[in-house]
Amino acid sequence: MPLNIDWQQILLHLLNFVLLFFGLYFLLYAPVKDFMESRKKHYEDMDNEAKNVLEEAKKQKEIYTQKFKDFEEEMKQYKLNELKKIDDLKEETLNSAKKESEKIISKAKITAEKEYSETMKKAQKEISGLVTEAAEKFILKADDACSFDDFLDAAERGDTDEK
């Protein structure tokens, strides 16, 4: 044999290497590789779950943002409606007050007219009483020759002198 190569020794070393390779592969490499893959899968699942949660949170944020905008719009509309109701109530109260004041003024005018007419009637009664009294005094103090016509003439002239 040239170079002192023993093929049997080479094949035995090769067999030992293959056995060592497969032994180390199944005992060390495969479990470590499986562990690394499971950890990688675990972290990818956690990442995907976090992305899903973040995406869901963004959707919820959009939903709540839209609800908030709708609520603000609803509040604006409610405020406008309430202000309109207040304006209507104010207008109604103002109109009611105007009608009430008109009633009071008309009652006051009617009362004033009644008082005026009553006062005028009393004044006319007093005047007629005074005229009657003056006429009686004038007739009683007048001479027998004096007649009612003389009294009327004197009244027309405005004479207040008694004879």
Protein backbone atom coordinates (compact mmCIF):
# COMPACT_ATOMS: atom_id res chain seq x y z
CA MET A 1 0.00 0.00 0.00
CA PRO A 2 1.41 3.10 -1.00
CA LEU A 3 1.49 5.96 1.44
CA ASN A 4 0.43 3.68 4.15
CA ILE A 5 -3.30 4.32 3.66
CA ASP A 6 -5.54 1.78 5.28
CA TRP A 7 -8.94 1.92 3.76
CA GLN A 8 -10.46 0.09 6.60
CA GLN A 9 -9.29 2.78 9.04
CA ILE A 10 -10.63 5.50 6.79
CA LEU A 11 -14.03 3.84 6.57
CA LEU A 12 -14.14 3.35 10.34
CA HIS A 13 -13.27 7.00 10.90
CA LEU A 14 -15.88 7.94 8.34
CA LEU A 15 -18.45 5.76 10.10
CA ASN A 16 -17.52 7.31 13.47
CA PHE A 17 -17.87 10.78 11.97
CA VAL A 18 -21.29 9.98 10.52
CA LEU A 19 -22.42 8.46 13.84
CA LEU A 20 -21.09 11.50 15.71
CA PHE A 21 -22.76 13.84 13.22
CA PHE A 22 -26.18 12.15 13.49
CA GLY A 23 -25.84 11.79 17.27
CA LEU A 24 -24.98 15.44 17.74
CA TYR A 25 -27.66 16.43 15.20
CA PHE A 26 -30.41 14.59 17.07
CA LEU A 27 -29.12 15.34 20.55
CA LEU A 28 -28.07 18.98 20.19
CA TYR A 29 -28.88 20.63 16.87
CA ALA A 30 -32.46 19.43 16.37
CA PRO A 31 -33.70 20.37 19.91
CA VAL A 32 -31.94 23.74 19.76
CA LYS A 33 -33.32 24.34 16.25
CA ASP A 34 -36.85 23.35 17.39
CA PHE A 35 -36.55 25.58 20.46
CA MET A 36 -35.36 28.51 18.32
CA GLU A 37 -38.20 27.98 15.84
CA SER A 38 -40.78 27.78 18.64
CA ARG A 39 -39.39 30.99 20.19
CA LYS A 40 -39.39 32.66 16.79
CA LYS A 41 -43.00 31.52 16.21
CA HIS A 42 -43.94 32.69 19.73
CA TYR A 43 -42.49 36.17 19.15
CA GLU A 44 -44.06 36.38 15.67
CA ASP A 45 -47.41 35.45 17.22
CA MET A 46 -46.91 38.08 19.91
CA ASP A 47 -45.99 40.64 17.24
CA ASN A 48 -49.04 39.72 15.14
CA GLU A 49 -51.26 39.87 18.21
CA ALA A 50 -49.83 43.27 19.13
CA LYS A 51 -50.42 44.47 15.56
CA ASN A 52 -53.99 43.16 15.69
CA VAL A 53 -54.59 44.82 19.05
CA LEU A 54 -53.08 48.07 17.73
CA GLU A 55 -55.23 47.88 14.60
CA GLU A 56 -58.32 47.19 16.70
CA ALA A 57 -57.41 50.11 18.96
CA LYS A 58 -57.08 52.37 15.91
CA LYS A 59 -60.51 51.21 14.69
CA GLN A 60 -61.98 51.85 18.14
CA LYS A 61 -60.34 55.26 18.20
CA GLU A 62 -61.89 56.10 14.83
CA ILE A 63 -65.27 54.85 16.02
CA TYR A 64 -65.10 56.88 19.23
CA THR A 65 -63.79 59.91 17.38
CA GLN A 66 -66.75 59.68 15.01
CA LYS A 67 -69.14 59.16 17.93
CA PHE A 68 -67.64 62.20 19.65
CA LYS A 69 -68.07 64.30 16.51
CA ASP A 70 -71.65 63.06 16.18
CA PHE A 71 -72.24 63.87 19.84
CA GLU A 72 -70.81 67.36 19.41
CA GLU A 73 -73.04 67.90 16.39
CA GLU A 74 -76.02 66.57 18.30
CA MET A 75 -75.20 68.89 21.21
CA LYS A 76 -74.95 71.86 18.84
CA GLN A 77 -78.33 70.96 17.37
CA TYR A 78 -79.80 70.47 20.84
CA LYS A 79 -78.41 73.83 21.94
CA LEU A 80 -79.87 75.53 18.86
CA ASN A 81 -83.24 73.90 19.51
CA GLU A 82 -83.20 74.97 23.14
CA LEU A 83 -82.21 78.53 22.19
CA LYS A 84 -85.05 78.57 19.68
CA LYS A 85 -87.45 77.34 22.36
CA ILE A 86 -86.20 80.06 24.69
CA ASP A 87 -86.65 82.68 21.97
CA ASP A 88 -90.15 81.38 21.24
CA LEU A 89 -91.00 81.40 24.93
CA LYS A 90 -89.59 84.92 25.27
CA GLU A 91 -91.60 86.06 22.25
CA GLU A 92 -94.72 84.39 23.61
CA THR A 93 -94.21 85.99 27.02
CA LEU A 94 -93.61 89.37 25.39
CA ASN A 95 -96.78 89.03 23.30
CA SER A 96 -98.72 87.95 26.37
CA ALA A 97 -97.39 90.94 28.29
CA LYS A 98 -98.35 93.25 25.41
CA LYS A 99 -101.87 91.79 25.31
CA GLU A 100 -102.16 92.12 29.07
CA SER A 101 -100.94 95.73 28.94
CA GLU A 102 -103.44 96.49 26.15
CA LYS A 103 -106.22 94.98 28.29
CA ILE A 104 -105.11 97.04 31.29
CA ILE A 105 -104.93 100.21 29.19
CA SER A 106 -108.34 99.58 27.64
CA LYS A 107 -109.84 98.88 31.10
CA ALA A 108 -108.20 102.06 32.36
CA LYS A 109 -109.66 104.03 29.43
CA ILE A 110 -113.10 102.56 30.05
CA THR A 111 -112.81 103.31 33.76
CA ALA A 112 -111.61 106.83 33.01
CA GLU A 113 -114.50 107.37 30.59
CA LYS A 114 -116.99 106.08 33.17
CA GLU A 115 -115.50 108.31 35.84
CA TYR A 116 -115.55 111.24 33.39
CA SER A 117 -119.19 110.63 32.49
CA GLU A 118 -120.13 110.18 36.17
CA THR A 119 -118.24 113.35 37.03
CA MET A 120 -119.97 115.19 34.19
CA LYS A 121 -123.37 113.92 35.36
CA LYS A 122 -122.62 115.02 38.92
CA ALA A 123 -121.39 118.38 37.65
CA GLN A 124 -124.50 118.79 35.52
CA LYS A 125 -126.68 117.88 38.51
CA GLU A 126 -124.80 120.34 40.66
CA ILE A 127 -125.01 123.01 37.98
CA SER A 128 -128.71 122.39 37.46
CA GLY A 129 -129.18 122.46 41.25
CA LEU A 130 -127.27 125.72 41.48
CA VAL A 131 -129.21 127.18 38.56
CA THR A 132 -132.47 126.07 40.14
CA GLU A 133 -131.44 127.49 43.48
CA ALA A 134 -130.35 130.74 41.88
CA ALA A 135 -133.58 130.93 39.94
CA GLU A 136 -135.61 130.31 43.07
CA LYS A 137 -133.70 133.01 44.92
CA PHE A 138 -134.05 135.37 42.02
CA ILE A 139 -137.76 134.73 41.69
CA LEU A 140 -138.42 134.97 45.40
CA LYS A 141 -136.52 138.21 45.78
CA ALA A 142 -137.80 139.71 42.63
CA ASP A 143 -140.77 142.07 42.61
CA ASP A 144 -144.15 140.87 41.58
CA ALA A 145 -143.71 142.81 38.38
CA CYS A 146 -140.66 140.74 37.55
CA SER A 147 -141.42 137.80 35.43
CA PHE A 148 -139.70 134.71 34.33
CA ASP A 149 -138.72 136.40 31.08
CA ASP A 150 -136.79 139.03 32.97
CA PHE A 151 -134.90 136.26 34.72
CA LEU A 152 -133.96 134.63 31.43
CA ASP A 153 -132.87 137.95 29.97
CA ALA A 154 -130.68 138.57 32.97
CA ALA A 155 -129.22 135.09 32.71
CA GLU A 156 -128.37 135.62 29.05
CA ARG A 157 -126.61 138.88 29.83
CA GLY A 158 -124.70 137.24 32.61
CA ASP A 159 -125.97 139.55 35.24
CA THR A 160 -125.43 138.17 38.65
CA ASP A 161 -126.70 141.18 40.45
CA GLU A 162 -129.69 140.51 42.55
CA LYS A 163 -132.48 143.09 42.63
